[in-house]
Amino acid sequence: MITALLTCLFIRWTTFYAANSAEESRFFIPIMYLIPLGTGYVAIRQLMGNRRLEIPLTLEQKVNEILVRLRLTKANPASDGNQAP
């Protein structure tokens, strides 16, 4: 949820930056329109391809992955068949 919020805020900030800079330079006028169109295009391609955005792993997941690689813990202890009923 935080990743989506930060992505939206970043896109909004870049659009506002381009809009404010368009007052000084004509170079930013097309950029002002290309930012939302480009991000919309990327979002539509992700949805049409039925793909998910790669969200960075949390610190806990990273540490767990390292421990699994070092064979200090099991990959998925919940799926172990030796649990008592």
Foldseek 3Di string as FASTA:
>chain_A
DVVVVVVVVVLVVVLVVLVVCCVVPVVSPVVNVCSVVVVVVVVVVCVVVVHDDDDDDDPVVVVLVVCVVVVVDPPDVVPDPPDDD
